């Protein structure tokens, strides 16, 4: 979604645990960052995403970033 230039925050708005946030350091429109410690895997964010940019799965560390 964000790679398509769409900056939506429906998932961050619905997350009761505030596990999701929009990281604006990634240009041009940011990316969704997930706090693995806060995420319960409830899936409330999944049906809201208009482009299926969020999926539930195993935690994978990004190269050069700490969880």
C-alpha atoms as a PDB file:
ATOM      1  CA  UNK A   1       0.000   0.000   0.000  1.00  0.00           C
ATOM      2  CA  UNK A   2       2.558   2.539   1.053  1.00  0.00           C
ATOM      3  CA  UNK A   3       4.806   1.570  -1.825  1.00  0.00           C
ATOM      4  CA  UNK A   4       1.923   2.609  -4.081  1.00  0.00           C
ATOM      5  CA  UNK A   5       1.979   6.114  -2.621  1.00  0.00           C
ATOM      6  CA  UNK A   6      -1.100   5.630  -0.459  1.00  0.00           C
ATOM      7  CA  UNK A   7      -0.720   6.899   3.098  1.00  0.00           C
ATOM      8  CA  UNK A   8      -3.616   5.517   5.135  1.00  0.00           C
ATOM      9  CA  UNK A   9      -3.730   4.993   8.892  1.00  0.00           C
ATOM     10  CA  UNK A  10      -6.931   3.003   9.413  1.00  0.00           C
ATOM     11  CA  UNK A  11      -4.955   0.180  11.033  1.00  0.00           C
ATOM     12  CA  UNK A  12      -3.221   2.491  13.491  1.00  0.00           C
ATOM     13  CA  UNK A  13      -6.552   4.060  14.421  1.00  0.00           C
ATOM     14  CA  UNK A  14      -8.251   0.718  15.192  1.00  0.00           C
ATOM     15  CA  UNK A  15      -5.404  -0.894  17.148  1.00  0.00           C
ATOM     16  CA  UNK A  16      -6.423  -0.914  20.837  1.00  0.00           C
ATOM     17  CA  UNK A  17      -2.874  -1.727  21.934  1.00  0.00           C
ATOM     18  CA  UNK A  18      -1.246   1.013  19.816  1.00  0.00           C
ATOM     19  CA  UNK A  19       0.982  -1.674  18.308  1.00  0.00           C
ATOM     20  CA  UNK A  20       0.957   0.032  14.903  1.00  0.00           C
ATOM     21  CA  UNK A  21       2.315   3.438  13.972  1.00  0.00           C
ATOM     22  CA  UNK A  22       3.128   5.274  10.777  1.00  0.00           C
ATOM     23  CA  UNK A  23       6.887   5.745  10.448  1.00  0.00           C
ATOM     24  CA  UNK A  24       7.307   8.896   8.356  1.00  0.00           C
ATOM     25  CA  UNK A  25      11.082   8.505   8.109  1.00  0.00           C
ATOM     26  CA  UNK A  26      10.491   6.156   5.175  1.00  0.00           C
ATOM     27  CA  UNK A  27       9.708   8.245   2.110  1.00  0.00           C
ATOM     28  CA  UNK A  28       7.666   9.154   0.184  1.00  0.00           C
ATOM     29  CA  UNK A  29       4.634   8.376   2.379  1.00  0.00           C
ATOM     30  CA  UNK A  30       6.012   6.364   5.298  1.00  0.00           C
ATOM     31  CA  UNK A  31       5.382   2.765   6.312  1.00  0.00           C
ATOM     32  CA  UNK A  32       3.539   0.958   9.042  1.00  0.00           C
ATOM     33  CA  UNK A  33       5.812  -0.063  11.912  1.00  0.00           C
ATOM     34  CA  UNK A  34       4.690  -2.847  14.244  1.00  0.00           C
ATOM     35  CA  UNK A  35       5.630  -3.023  17.911  1.00  0.00           C
ATOM     36  CA  UNK A  36       5.956  -6.794  18.295  1.00  0.00           C
ATOM     37  CA  UNK A  37       5.763  -6.565  22.087  1.00  0.00           C
ATOM     38  CA  UNK A  38       2.407  -4.761  21.973  1.00  0.00           C
ATOM     39  CA  UNK A  39       0.789  -6.700  19.102  1.00  0.00           C
ATOM     40  CA  UNK A  40      -1.495  -9.495  20.298  1.00  0.00           C
ATOM     41  CA  UNK A  41      -2.217 -10.795  16.796  1.00  0.00           C
ATOM     42  CA  UNK A  42      -5.935 -10.102  17.195  1.00  0.00           C
ATOM     43  CA  UNK A  43      -6.277  -9.193  13.503  1.00  0.00           C
ATOM     44  CA  UNK A  44      -8.537  -6.158  14.005  1.00  0.00           C
ATOM     45  CA  UNK A  45      -6.393  -4.202  11.559  1.00  0.00           C
ATOM     46  CA  UNK A  46      -6.619  -6.752   8.722  1.00  0.00           C
ATOM     47  CA  UNK A  47     -10.156  -6.208   7.362  1.00  0.00           C
ATOM     48  CA  UNK A  48      -9.722  -2.420   7.389  1.00  0.00           C
ATOM     49  CA  UNK A  49      -6.750  -2.306   5.037  1.00  0.00           C
ATOM     50  CA  UNK A  50      -7.974  -1.306   1.564  1.00  0.00           C
ATOM     51  CA  UNK A  51      -4.941  -2.867  -0.151  1.00  0.00           C
ATOM     52  CA  UNK A  52      -4.143  -5.877   2.067  1.00  0.00           C
ATOM     53  CA  UNK A  53      -0.805  -4.336   3.072  1.00  0.00           C
ATOM     54  CA  UNK A  54      -0.914  -6.026   6.486  1.00  0.00           C
ATOM     55  CA  UNK A  55      -0.723  -9.761   7.050  1.00  0.00           C
ATOM     56  CA  UNK A  56      -0.317 -11.934  10.113  1.00  0.00           C
ATOM     57  CA  UNK A  57       2.633 -14.264  10.119  1.00  0.00           C
ATOM     58  CA  UNK A  58       5.896 -15.044  11.812  1.00  0.00           C
ATOM     59  CA  UNK A  59       8.036 -12.145  12.997  1.00  0.00           C
ATOM     60  CA  UNK A  60      10.892 -11.460  10.572  1.00  0.00           C
ATOM     61  CA  UNK A  61      13.631  -8.980  11.486  1.00  0.00           C
ATOM     62  CA  UNK A  62      14.469  -6.386   8.838  1.00  0.00           C
ATOM     63  CA  UNK A  63      18.103  -6.119   7.890  1.00  0.00           C
ATOM     64  CA  UNK A  64      19.672  -3.218   9.783  1.00  0.00           C
ATOM     65  CA  UNK A  65      16.728  -2.743  12.141  1.00  0.00           C
ATOM     66  CA  UNK A  66      16.075  -4.052  15.618  1.00  0.00           C
ATOM     67  CA  UNK A  67      12.555  -5.256  16.522  1.00  0.00           C
END
